[in-house]
Amino acid sequence: MAKRVLMIINHHVYAYMLRKEILEACIAAGYETYITLPYGEMVEKLKKMGCIYIESHYDYHGMNPVKELGLIMRYGKIIKSVKPDVILTYTIKPNLYGGFVASAAGIPYIANVTGLGTAVGNKGIIRELSKFFYKAAFKNISCLFFQNKENMSFFERNNIAPGRHRLIPGSGVNISKFSLLEYPPAGTTEFVFISRIMKEKGIDQYLEAAKYIRGKYPNTRFHICGYCEEEYGGRLKELNDNGTVIYHGFTDNVREVLKVTHCTVHPTYYPEGMSNVLLESCASGRPVIATDRSGCREITDDGVNGYLIKERDTDDLINKLERFIALPYEDKKAMGENSRRKVEKEFDRRIVVDAYMEEIRKALGEQK
């Protein structure tokens, strides 16, 4: 009888765009591969790949204890029905809730810390509660993957699942899908911000810098791609209408925007694991300007494939934008080529897939 793998994840886009190769590897290894997440259009692509889909509803920002308990019970019912031999979880709620259920059921499980979120980022009672829950959820974990050293160090210092930590290069990037793009021609200098439009992703700094730079350097353009949170809707419309920025809305094909932009700007201070925006931009051969913090500095070699900026510092962002604008065209292009070489060497998604398959086989007793 084929071994069964169950992946618990929170979003159909992330499941397909970031975890597809792991699922493919599980299917190719002969495992019955189940996935549970809220329904979305990418689910049909996952099913065509050979995944067995089970729906689970999910409140992304919800803190209602009754609803959260309901999600835990739903995971419990799914696990009882599927009877998986190993469970894979991603992001905070699936990691915690899936961990509780897997541990109670005595099923091996592998979690991926894709970022610690604001609860752990801010000191206080919420942080202490988070540590308590992580210790309980990960008590019997088989392997705990981390996307950056800072997150792993936090778990080491707090004695959470000691001896079962493993560092991987984020989600990696599919360097075949995100192949090297031709660098755009000179004439204008085009920047792009690719992210959910929210405060912690540095959108305020980007918009402020765009207003200043556009006033001083008319041959610049500032593109924005991503879901817009309600509080920024009016401001983005105004700045788009007056030509300060070009807002593309959400796109599931960032390559079309990367084709015409010279540099990706990521002034985030959100506590994420490893920036997929930067990985995909670098793989496409684009220089990057990013915050000097975990999840960004690992990808950005200052002065080599882009520039690092201080957190929440608009003046420093403006300084680095001006420095990039002043570069000769060939130097900008060379920075993009350096980005591509870096991800080929350090962030190929095959590294992540191989690590997962090794740990899955260990958990299944197929590899010592």
Protein backbone atom coordinates (compact mmCIF):
# COMPACT_ATOMS: atom_id res chain seq x y z
CA MET A 1 0.00 0.00 0.00
CA ALA A 2 1.34 3.42 -0.99
CA LYS A 3 2.46 5.75 1.80
CA ARG A 4 0.33 8.86 2.24
CA VAL A 5 1.55 12.44 2.53
CA LEU A 6 -0.77 15.24 3.69
CA MET A 7 0.15 18.90 3.14
CA ILE A 8 -1.69 21.49 5.26
CA ILE A 9 -1.40 24.99 3.83
CA ASN A 10 -3.37 28.22 3.91
CA HIS A 11 -3.64 29.51 0.32
CA HIS A 12 -4.06 28.03 -3.14
CA VAL A 13 -1.64 30.46 -4.83
CA TYR A 14 1.18 29.71 -2.38
CA ALA A 15 0.46 25.98 -2.66
CA TYR A 16 0.86 26.04 -6.43
CA MET A 17 3.50 28.72 -6.92
CA LEU A 18 5.82 27.81 -4.03
CA ARG A 19 5.14 24.14 -3.13
CA LYS A 20 4.35 22.63 -6.53
CA GLU A 21 7.74 20.98 -6.98
CA ILE A 22 7.59 19.34 -3.54
CA LEU A 23 4.15 17.94 -4.35
CA GLU A 24 5.41 16.72 -7.73
CA ALA A 25 8.34 15.00 -6.05
CA CYS A 26 6.01 13.26 -3.58
CA ILE A 27 3.78 12.03 -6.41
CA ALA A 28 6.79 10.88 -8.44
CA ALA A 29 8.03 8.92 -5.41
CA GLY A 30 4.78 6.96 -5.43
CA TYR A 31 3.17 8.57 -2.38
CA GLU A 32 -0.57 9.25 -2.28
CA THR A 33 -0.41 13.02 -1.97
CA TYR A 34 -3.21 14.88 -0.19
CA ILE A 35 -3.53 18.63 0.25
CA THR A 36 -5.95 20.60 2.41
CA LEU A 37 -6.55 24.33 2.07
CA PRO A 38 -9.38 26.78 1.26
CA TYR A 39 -10.62 26.40 -2.31
CA GLY A 40 -9.20 28.70 -5.00
CA GLU A 41 -8.61 28.55 -8.75
CA MET A 42 -5.14 26.98 -8.38
CA VAL A 43 -6.71 23.97 -6.67
CA GLU A 44 -7.78 22.64 -10.07
CA LYS A 45 -4.15 22.73 -11.25
CA LEU A 46 -3.07 20.89 -8.11
CA LYS A 47 -5.70 18.21 -8.74
CA LYS A 48 -4.55 17.81 -12.36
CA MET A 49 -1.03 17.22 -11.05
CA GLY A 50 -2.36 14.27 -9.08
CA CYS A 51 -3.02 15.79 -5.66
CA ILE A 52 -6.08 14.63 -3.73
CA TYR A 53 -7.83 17.77 -2.51
CA ILE A 54 -9.76 18.18 0.75
CA GLU A 55 -11.29 21.56 1.51
CA SER A 56 -10.61 23.36 4.78
CA HIS A 57 -11.88 26.87 5.53
CA TYR A 58 -9.51 29.42 6.98
CA ASP A 59 -9.80 32.86 8.56
CA TYR A 60 -6.45 34.49 7.82
CA HIS A 61 -6.64 37.20 10.47
CA GLY A 62 -9.21 35.57 12.74
CA MET A 63 -8.68 35.36 16.50
CA ASN A 64 -12.13 34.06 17.47
CA PRO A 65 -11.41 31.12 19.80
CA VAL A 66 -14.49 29.20 18.68
CA LYS A 67 -13.58 29.48 14.98
CA GLU A 68 -9.94 28.64 15.66
CA LEU A 69 -10.96 25.57 17.65
CA GLY A 70 -13.21 24.64 14.74
CA LEU A 71 -10.22 24.74 12.38
CA ILE A 72 -8.22 22.48 14.71
CA MET A 73 -11.12 20.03 14.83
CA ARG A 74 -11.40 20.16 11.02
CA TYR A 75 -7.72 19.27 10.70
CA GLY A 76 -8.31 16.45 13.18
CA LYS A 77 -11.17 15.02 11.10
CA ILE A 78 -9.12 15.25 7.91
CA ILE A 79 -6.15 13.48 9.50
CA LYS A 80 -8.42 10.79 10.92
CA SER A 81 -9.99 10.25 7.47
CA VAL A 82 -6.79 10.33 5.39
CA LYS A 83 -4.59 8.44 7.87
CA PRO A 84 -1.41 10.05 6.50
CA ASP A 85 2.01 8.56 7.16
CA VAL A 86 3.60 12.01 7.29
CA ILE A 87 2.21 15.56 7.46
CA LEU A 88 3.76 18.73 5.97
CA THR A 89 2.69 22.14 7.29
CA TYR A 90 3.42 25.76 6.36
CA THR A 91 2.76 29.18 7.95
CA ILE A 92 1.75 29.94 11.51
CA LYS A 93 -1.76 28.49 11.95
CA PRO A 94 -1.25 25.28 9.95
CA ASN A 95 2.08 24.77 11.75
CA LEU A 96 0.55 25.19 15.20
CA TYR A 97 -2.85 23.59 14.68
CA GLY A 98 -1.56 20.86 12.41
CA GLY A 99 1.24 20.24 14.89
CA PHE A 100 -1.17 19.81 17.81
CA VAL A 101 -3.28 17.31 15.88
CA ALA A 102 -0.36 15.39 14.35
CA SER A 103 1.35 15.11 17.71
CA ALA A 104 -1.82 13.87 19.39
CA ALA A 105 -2.30 11.30 16.64
CA GLY A 106 1.32 10.15 16.78
CA ILE A 107 1.94 10.96 13.12
CA PRO A 108 5.36 12.21 11.94
CA TYR A 109 5.22 15.78 10.71
CA ILE A 110 7.50 18.35 9.15
CA ALA A 111 6.82 22.09 9.60
CA ASN A 112 8.21 25.08 7.74
CA VAL A 113 8.62 28.39 9.59
CA THR A 114 7.96 30.86 6.78
CA GLY A 115 8.28 33.78 9.20
CA LEU A 116 7.46 34.42 12.84
CA GLY A 117 4.87 37.13 12.30
CA THR A 118 4.21 40.17 14.44
CA ALA A 119 3.19 38.15 17.52
CA VAL A 120 6.77 36.97 18.03
CA GLY A 121 8.30 40.13 16.60
CA ASN A 122 6.83 42.25 19.41
CA LYS A 123 7.81 41.60 23.01
CA GLY A 124 5.14 41.01 25.65
CA ILE A 125 2.50 38.50 26.71
CA ILE A 126 1.61 37.58 23.10
CA ARG A 127 5.21 36.66 22.42
CA GLU A 128 5.37 34.49 25.55
CA LEU A 129 2.13 32.76 24.61
CA SER A 130 3.47 32.13 21.11
CA LYS A 131 6.58 30.49 22.55
CA PHE A 132 4.41 28.29 24.77
CA PHE A 133 2.22 27.20 21.85
CA TYR A 134 5.21 26.52 19.59
CA LYS A 135 6.81 24.32 22.26
CA ALA A 136 3.58 22.36 22.68
CA ALA A 137 2.87 22.01 18.94
CA PHE A 138 6.42 21.02 18.02
CA LYS A 139 7.09 18.71 20.95
CA ASN A 140 7.18 15.58 18.77
CA ILE A 141 8.07 17.12 15.42
CA SER A 142 10.25 15.16 12.99
CA CYS A 143 11.92 18.16 11.32
CA LEU A 144 11.49 21.91 11.60
CA PHE A 145 12.59 23.84 8.53
CA PHE A 146 13.65 27.50 8.78
CA GLN A 147 14.06 30.02 5.99
CA ASN A 148 16.56 32.27 7.74
CA LYS A 149 19.10 32.04 10.58
CA GLU A 150 17.39 34.70 12.71
CA ASN A 151 14.17 32.66 12.99
CA MET A 152 16.15 29.50 13.72
CA SER A 153 18.18 31.28 16.41
CA PHE A 154 14.97 32.40 18.13
CA PHE A 155 13.84 28.75 18.41
CA GLU A 156 17.30 27.65 19.56
CA ARG A 157 17.44 30.32 22.29
CA ASN A 158 14.00 29.33 23.53
CA ASN A 159 14.68 25.59 23.42
CA ILE A 160 11.84 24.86 20.98
CA ALA A 161 12.23 21.47 19.25
CA PRO A 162 16.01 21.33 19.87
CA GLY A 163 18.01 19.05 17.62
CA ARG A 164 15.38 18.97 14.89
CA HIS A 165 16.14 22.26 13.14
CA ARG A 166 17.22 22.53 9.52
CA LEU A 167 17.96 25.67 7.49
CA ILE A 168 16.87 25.87 3.84
CA PRO A 169 17.13 28.78 1.36
CA GLY A 170 13.55 29.97 1.78
CA SER A 171 11.14 28.43 -0.68
CA GLY A 172 13.87 28.61 -3.29
CA VAL A 173 13.04 29.68 -6.81
CA ASN A 174 12.36 27.64 -9.92
CA ILE A 175 15.24 28.89 -12.05
CA SER A 176 13.80 27.26 -15.16
CA LYS A 177 10.44 29.00 -14.85
CA PHE A 178 12.07 32.24 -13.73
CA SER A 179 14.70 32.29 -16.45
CA LEU A 180 17.00 35.21 -17.16
CA LEU A 181 15.10 38.04 -18.85
CA GLU A 182 16.67 40.47 -21.30
CA TYR A 183 17.53 43.68 -19.48
CA PRO A 184 15.23 46.58 -20.50
CA PRO A 185 16.69 49.32 -22.71
CA ALA A 186 18.05 52.59 -21.36
CA GLY A 187 16.13 55.86 -21.60
CA THR A 188 13.99 55.62 -18.50
CA THR A 189 14.79 53.94 -15.18
CA GLU A 190 11.87 51.80 -14.11
CA PHE A 191 11.41 50.60 -10.52
CA VAL A 192 8.82 48.14 -9.24
CA PHE A 193 7.29 47.31 -5.86
CA ILE A 194 5.78 43.79 -5.83
CA SER A 195 3.89 42.89 -2.68
CA ARG A 196 0.63 43.07 -0.83
CA ILE A 197 -0.01 46.79 -0.38
CA MET A 198 0.32 47.10 3.39
CA LYS A 199 2.24 49.29 5.81
CA GLU A 200 4.68 46.62 7.00
CA LYS A 201 5.80 45.90 3.45
CA GLY A 202 7.20 49.44 3.23
CA ILE A 203 4.64 50.90 0.85
CA ASP A 204 4.69 54.28 2.63
CA GLN A 205 8.44 54.62 2.12
CA TYR A 206 8.11 53.59 -1.53
CA LEU A 207 5.35 56.11 -2.24
CA GLU A 208 7.18 58.93 -0.49
CA ALA A 209 10.38 58.12 -2.37
CA ALA A 210 8.48 57.91 -5.66
CA LYS A 211 7.08 61.42 -5.21
CA TYR A 212 10.53 62.86 -4.50
CA ILE A 213 12.39 60.99 -7.24
CA ARG A 214 9.73 61.63 -9.91
CA GLY A 215 9.95 65.34 -9.15
CA LYS A 216 13.72 65.36 -9.48
CA TYR A 217 14.19 62.75 -12.23
CA PRO A 218 11.37 62.89 -14.82
CA ASN A 219 12.79 59.88 -16.70
CA THR A 220 11.92 57.50 -13.89
CA ARG A 221 8.84 55.32 -13.41
CA PHE A 222 7.54 53.64 -10.27
CA HIS A 223 5.42 50.53 -10.80
CA ILE A 224 3.36 48.75 -8.13
CA CYS A 225 1.93 45.22 -8.26
CA GLY A 226 -0.12 43.53 -5.56
CA TYR A 227 -3.35 43.24 -3.63
CA CYS A 228 -4.30 46.61 -2.15
CA GLU A 229 -5.47 46.76 1.45
CA GLU A 230 -8.45 49.04 1.90
CA GLU A 231 -6.63 51.86 3.68
CA TYR A 232 -4.39 52.45 0.64
CA GLY A 233 -7.03 52.32 -2.09
CA GLY A 234 -7.72 56.05 -2.34
CA ARG A 235 -4.09 57.08 -2.03
CA LEU A 236 -2.96 54.68 -4.75
CA LYS A 237 -5.69 55.85 -7.10
CA GLU A 238 -4.69 59.47 -6.62
CA LEU A 239 -0.98 58.80 -7.19
CA ASN A 240 -1.73 56.60 -10.18
CA ASP A 241 -4.01 59.24 -11.71
CA ASN A 242 -1.44 62.02 -11.33
CA GLY A 243 1.36 59.89 -12.79
CA THR A 244 3.48 59.44 -9.66
CA VAL A 245 3.10 55.65 -9.80
CA ILE A 246 1.75 53.05 -12.20
CA TYR A 247 -0.50 50.64 -10.28
CA HIS A 248 -1.04 47.32 -12.04
CA GLY A 249 -3.23 45.73 -9.36
CA PHE A 250 -2.67 42.08 -8.53
CA THR A 251 -0.99 40.03 -11.23
CA ASP A 252 -0.23 36.32 -11.20
CA ASN A 253 2.45 36.90 -13.85
CA VAL A 254 5.03 39.29 -12.41
CA ARG A 255 7.38 38.39 -15.26
CA GLU A 256 5.45 40.69 -17.58
CA VAL A 257 6.22 43.62 -15.28
CA LEU A 258 9.81 42.52 -14.63
CA LYS A 259 10.38 42.55 -18.41
CA VAL A 260 10.04 46.36 -18.46
CA THR A 261 11.55 47.26 -15.07
CA HIS A 262 15.21 47.78 -14.20
CA CYS A 263 15.15 47.26 -10.44
CA THR A 264 12.87 45.72 -7.79
CA VAL A 265 12.43 47.74 -4.60
CA HIS A 266 11.45 45.85 -1.44
CA PRO A 267 11.53 48.16 1.63
CA THR A 268 9.71 45.66 3.85
CA TYR A 269 9.92 45.43 7.62
CA TYR A 270 7.43 42.58 7.82
CA PRO A 271 8.84 39.52 9.70
CA GLU A 272 8.91 37.09 6.78
CA GLY A 273 11.10 34.03 6.30
CA MET A 274 12.69 34.68 2.91
CA SER A 275 11.43 37.13 0.31
CA ASN A 276 10.03 35.33 -2.74
CA VAL A 277 9.69 38.72 -4.45
CA LEU A 278 13.46 39.17 -4.28
CA LEU A 279 14.19 35.58 -5.30
CA GLU A 280 11.98 35.78 -8.39
CA SER A 281 13.34 39.21 -9.34
CA CYS A 282 16.94 38.08 -8.96
CA ALA A 283 16.32 34.88 -10.92
CA SER A 284 14.92 37.07 -13.72
CA GLY A 285 18.14 39.09 -13.74
CA ARG A 286 17.05 42.20 -11.89
CA PRO A 287 19.00 44.27 -9.38
CA VAL A 288 17.24 44.76 -6.05
CA ILE A 289 17.02 47.41 -3.36
CA ALA A 290 15.92 45.77 -0.12
CA THR A 291 15.81 46.22 3.63
CA ASP A 292 18.80 45.19 5.69
CA ARG A 293 16.95 42.51 7.66
CA SER A 294 16.58 38.74 7.70
CA GLY A 295 14.83 37.38 4.63
CA CYS A 296 16.27 40.17 2.46
CA ARG A 297 19.96 40.56 3.31
CA GLU A 298 20.65 36.91 2.46
CA ILE A 299 19.61 37.62 -1.13
CA THR A 300 21.05 41.13 -1.48
CA ASP A 301 24.83 41.56 -1.69
CA ASP A 302 25.21 45.28 -1.09
CA GLY A 303 26.83 46.98 -4.08
CA VAL A 304 27.03 43.70 -6.03
CA ASN A 305 23.49 42.81 -7.09
CA GLY A 306 21.73 45.77 -5.48
CA TYR A 307 21.65 47.86 -2.33
CA LEU A 308 20.57 47.35 1.28
CA ILE A 309 18.57 50.08 3.00
CA LYS A 310 17.82 50.91 6.61
CA GLU A 311 14.47 49.81 7.96
CA ARG A 312 11.62 52.40 7.68
CA ASP A 313 14.08 55.01 6.41
CA THR A 314 12.73 56.94 3.41
CA ASP A 315 15.84 59.11 3.17
CA ASP A 316 18.09 56.07 2.87
CA LEU A 317 15.76 54.59 0.25
CA ILE A 318 15.93 57.82 -1.76
CA ASN A 319 19.72 57.80 -1.45
CA LYS A 320 19.97 54.26 -2.84
CA LEU A 321 17.47 54.99 -5.62
CA GLU A 322 19.59 57.99 -6.68
CA ARG A 323 22.73 55.88 -6.52
CA PHE A 324 21.13 53.32 -8.81
CA ILE A 325 19.86 55.98 -11.23
CA ALA A 326 23.40 57.41 -11.49
CA LEU A 327 24.94 54.06 -12.45
CA PRO A 328 25.98 53.58 -16.09
CA TYR A 329 23.57 51.32 -17.97
CA GLU A 330 26.11 48.49 -18.26
CA ASP A 331 26.66 48.52 -14.49
CA LYS A 332 22.93 48.20 -13.86
CA LYS A 333 22.78 45.30 -16.26
CA ALA A 334 25.80 43.67 -14.58
CA MET A 335 24.05 43.91 -11.21
CA GLY A 336 21.13 41.98 -12.69
CA GLU A 337 23.48 39.31 -14.00
CA ASN A 338 25.02 39.05 -10.52
CA SER A 339 21.52 38.50 -9.12
CA ARG A 340 20.95 35.61 -11.50
CA ARG A 341 24.27 33.96 -10.62
CA LYS A 342 23.53 34.26 -6.92
CA VAL A 343 20.15 32.50 -7.05
CA GLU A 344 21.51 29.78 -9.35
CA LYS A 345 24.20 29.01 -6.80
CA GLU A 346 22.36 29.51 -3.50
CA PHE A 347 18.58 29.49 -4.01
CA ASP A 348 17.68 26.89 -6.65
CA ARG A 349 14.38 25.29 -5.55
CA ARG A 350 15.88 21.85 -6.16
CA ILE A 351 17.87 22.39 -2.96
CA VAL A 352 14.59 22.77 -1.04
CA VAL A 353 12.89 19.82 -2.75
CA ASP A 354 15.87 17.54 -2.08
CA ALA A 355 15.88 18.56 1.59
CA TYR A 356 12.17 17.81 1.88
CA MET A 357 12.41 14.42 0.22
CA GLU A 358 15.30 13.46 2.49
CA GLU A 359 13.31 14.40 5.62
CA ILE A 360 10.12 12.74 4.35
CA ARG A 361 11.99 9.49 3.75
CA LYS A 362 13.51 9.69 7.23
CA ALA A 363 10.08 10.28 8.77
CA LEU A 364 8.69 7.28 6.85
CA GLY A 365 11.58 5.10 7.94
CA GLU A 366 12.81 4.72 4.36
CA GLN A 367 16.15 6.39 5.06
CA LYS A 368 18.33 6.37 8.13
